[in-house]
Amino acid sequence: MLNLDDTLVVSSDQVAADLSGEVVILGMKEGAYFSVSAVAARVWALLQVPCRLGDIVATLLSEYDVPADQCAAEVLEFAEDLAARGLVVRHAAPTS
């Protein structure tokens, strides 16, 4: 189960294209494609580089008029779905 402290990044097992604000994602692992728009497309854009889920929530709260608890719950739910489909992976911080 993911939490807001987890850092995720898009998986190399996918190909995505932005089609005028709608993102179409082809998951190579399942051989299935997905389409996301609006806020989900924004989350996908943020995940192009390693990003902490809590930072994604903070970004969305600054851009959209949504209650914080609802935003956090929906980001976690979307991230869980993406992870289950192999479209994003946990990113471990480099050790020094």
C-alpha atoms as a PDB file:
ATOM      1  CA  MET A   1       0.000   0.000   0.000  1.00  0.00           C
ATOM      2  CA  LEU A   2       1.307   3.422  -0.942  1.00  0.00           C
ATOM      3  CA  ASN A   3       1.414   6.496   1.267  1.00  0.00           C
ATOM      4  CA  LEU A   4       2.088  10.185   0.731  1.00  0.00           C
ATOM      5  CA  ASP A   5       5.782   9.757   1.616  1.00  0.00           C
ATOM      6  CA  ASP A   6       6.351   7.328  -1.269  1.00  0.00           C
ATOM      7  CA  THR A   7       8.224   8.600  -4.310  1.00  0.00           C
ATOM      8  CA  LEU A   8       7.078   7.235  -7.665  1.00  0.00           C
ATOM      9  CA  VAL A   9       8.163   7.619 -11.275  1.00  0.00           C
ATOM     10  CA  VAL A  10       6.732   6.309 -14.541  1.00  0.00           C
ATOM     11  CA  SER A  11       7.864   2.820 -15.455  1.00  0.00           C
ATOM     12  CA  SER A  12       9.989   2.027 -18.475  1.00  0.00           C
ATOM     13  CA  ASP A  13       7.314  -0.591 -19.323  1.00  0.00           C
ATOM     14  CA  GLN A  14       4.958   1.993 -20.813  1.00  0.00           C
ATOM     15  CA  VAL A  15       4.608   4.399 -23.694  1.00  0.00           C
ATOM     16  CA  ALA A  16       2.462   7.513 -23.363  1.00  0.00           C
ATOM     17  CA  ALA A  17       1.309  10.334 -25.598  1.00  0.00           C
ATOM     18  CA  ASP A  18      -0.367  13.637 -24.781  1.00  0.00           C
ATOM     19  CA  LEU A  19      -3.254  14.245 -27.159  1.00  0.00           C
ATOM     20  CA  SER A  20      -4.514  17.772 -26.484  1.00  0.00           C
ATOM     21  CA  GLY A  21      -4.797  17.439 -22.722  1.00  0.00           C
ATOM     22  CA  GLU A  22      -5.729  13.757 -22.708  1.00  0.00           C
ATOM     23  CA  VAL A  23      -2.953  11.264 -22.052  1.00  0.00           C
ATOM     24  CA  VAL A  24      -3.055   7.824 -23.628  1.00  0.00           C
ATOM     25  CA  ILE A  25      -0.823   5.268 -21.904  1.00  0.00           C
ATOM     26  CA  LEU A  26       0.089   1.879 -23.338  1.00  0.00           C
ATOM     27  CA  GLY A  27       1.126  -0.540 -20.628  1.00  0.00           C
ATOM     28  CA  MET A  28       3.594  -2.982 -22.141  1.00  0.00           C
ATOM     29  CA  LYS A  29       3.259  -5.357 -19.188  1.00  0.00           C
ATOM     30  CA  GLU A  30      -0.491  -5.927 -19.699  1.00  0.00           C
ATOM     31  CA  GLY A  31      -0.654  -4.967 -23.358  1.00  0.00           C
ATOM     32  CA  ALA A  32      -3.523  -2.639 -22.506  1.00  0.00           C
ATOM     33  CA  TYR A  33      -3.983   1.055 -23.029  1.00  0.00           C
ATOM     34  CA  PHE A  34      -5.472   3.654 -20.724  1.00  0.00           C
ATOM     35  CA  SER A  35      -6.723   7.154 -21.265  1.00  0.00           C
ATOM     36  CA  VAL A  36      -6.618   9.828 -18.565  1.00  0.00           C
ATOM     37  CA  SER A  37      -7.627  13.455 -18.703  1.00  0.00           C
ATOM     38  CA  ALA A  38      -7.683  16.613 -16.614  1.00  0.00           C
ATOM     39  CA  VAL A  39      -6.306  16.120 -13.110  1.00  0.00           C
ATOM     40  CA  ALA A  40      -5.126  12.549 -13.735  1.00  0.00           C
ATOM     41  CA  ALA A  41      -3.172  13.795 -16.759  1.00  0.00           C
ATOM     42  CA  ARG A  42      -1.556  16.417 -14.510  1.00  0.00           C
ATOM     43  CA  VAL A  43      -0.551  13.707 -12.012  1.00  0.00           C
ATOM     44  CA  TRP A  44       0.899  11.663 -14.877  1.00  0.00           C
ATOM     45  CA  ALA A  45       2.903  14.683 -16.033  1.00  0.00           C
ATOM     46  CA  LEU A  46       4.316  15.190 -12.527  1.00  0.00           C
ATOM     47  CA  LEU A  47       5.359  11.526 -12.384  1.00  0.00           C
ATOM     48  CA  GLN A  48       7.624  11.872 -15.424  1.00  0.00           C
ATOM     49  CA  VAL A  49      10.382  12.559 -12.901  1.00  0.00           C
ATOM     50  CA  PRO A  50      10.598  10.960  -9.456  1.00  0.00           C
ATOM     51  CA  CYS A  51       8.013  12.717  -7.330  1.00  0.00           C
ATOM     52  CA  ARG A  52       6.800  12.257  -3.756  1.00  0.00           C
ATOM     53  CA  LEU A  53       3.035  11.665  -3.647  1.00  0.00           C
ATOM     54  CA  GLY A  54       2.663  14.286  -0.913  1.00  0.00           C
ATOM     55  CA  ASP A  55       4.317  16.824  -3.228  1.00  0.00           C
ATOM     56  CA  ILE A  56       1.856  15.917  -5.975  1.00  0.00           C
ATOM     57  CA  VAL A  57      -1.018  16.546  -3.560  1.00  0.00           C
ATOM     58  CA  ALA A  58       0.484  19.920  -2.595  1.00  0.00           C
ATOM     59  CA  THR A  59       0.845  20.877  -6.266  1.00  0.00           C
ATOM     60  CA  LEU A  60      -2.749  19.914  -7.047  1.00  0.00           C
ATOM     61  CA  LEU A  61      -4.048  21.815  -4.021  1.00  0.00           C
ATOM     62  CA  SER A  62      -2.325  24.938  -5.346  1.00  0.00           C
ATOM     63  CA  GLU A  63      -3.819  24.456  -8.816  1.00  0.00           C
ATOM     64  CA  TYR A  64      -7.345  23.178  -8.102  1.00  0.00           C
ATOM     65  CA  ASP A  65     -10.128  23.997  -5.662  1.00  0.00           C
ATOM     66  CA  VAL A  66     -10.447  20.644  -3.886  1.00  0.00           C
ATOM     67  CA  PRO A  67     -10.506  19.603  -0.213  1.00  0.00           C
ATOM     68  CA  ALA A  68      -7.083  18.353   0.939  1.00  0.00           C
ATOM     69  CA  ASP A  69      -8.359  15.018   2.277  1.00  0.00           C
ATOM     70  CA  GLN A  70     -10.237  14.267  -0.949  1.00  0.00           C
ATOM     71  CA  CYS A  71      -7.219  15.209  -3.059  1.00  0.00           C
ATOM     72  CA  ALA A  72      -4.885  12.994  -1.029  1.00  0.00           C
ATOM     73  CA  ALA A  73      -7.290  10.042  -1.162  1.00  0.00           C
ATOM     74  CA  GLU A  74      -7.766  10.336  -4.919  1.00  0.00           C
ATOM     75  CA  VAL A  75      -4.041  10.729  -5.634  1.00  0.00           C
ATOM     76  CA  LEU A  76      -3.297   7.629  -3.555  1.00  0.00           C
ATOM     77  CA  GLU A  77      -6.059   5.658  -5.291  1.00  0.00           C
ATOM     78  CA  PHE A  78      -4.831   6.675  -8.751  1.00  0.00           C
ATOM     79  CA  ALA A  79      -1.201   5.929  -7.824  1.00  0.00           C
ATOM     80  CA  GLU A  80      -2.178   2.491  -6.489  1.00  0.00           C
ATOM     81  CA  ASP A  81      -3.976   1.737  -9.764  1.00  0.00           C
ATOM     82  CA  LEU A  82      -0.991   2.864 -11.837  1.00  0.00           C
ATOM     83  CA  ALA A  83       1.394   0.806  -9.680  1.00  0.00           C
ATOM     84  CA  ALA A  84      -0.809  -2.299  -9.877  1.00  0.00           C
ATOM     85  CA  ARG A  85      -0.722  -2.039 -13.677  1.00  0.00           C
ATOM     86  CA  GLY A  86       3.062  -1.598 -13.723  1.00  0.00           C
ATOM     87  CA  LEU A  87       2.822   1.928 -15.125  1.00  0.00           C
ATOM     88  CA  VAL A  88       4.713   3.535 -12.214  1.00  0.00           C
ATOM     89  CA  VAL A  89       7.322   2.199  -9.827  1.00  0.00           C
ATOM     90  CA  ARG A  90       8.672   3.222  -6.461  1.00  0.00           C
ATOM     91  CA  HIS A  91      11.798   5.309  -6.746  1.00  0.00           C
ATOM     92  CA  ALA A  92      14.493   4.782  -4.151  1.00  0.00           C
ATOM     93  CA  ALA A  93      16.547   7.826  -3.263  1.00  0.00           C
ATOM     94  CA  PRO A  94      20.213   7.380  -4.101  1.00  0.00           C
ATOM     95  CA  THR A  95      22.371   6.517  -1.120  1.00  0.00           C
ATOM     96  CA  SER A  96      25.546   8.422  -0.522  1.00  0.00           C
END
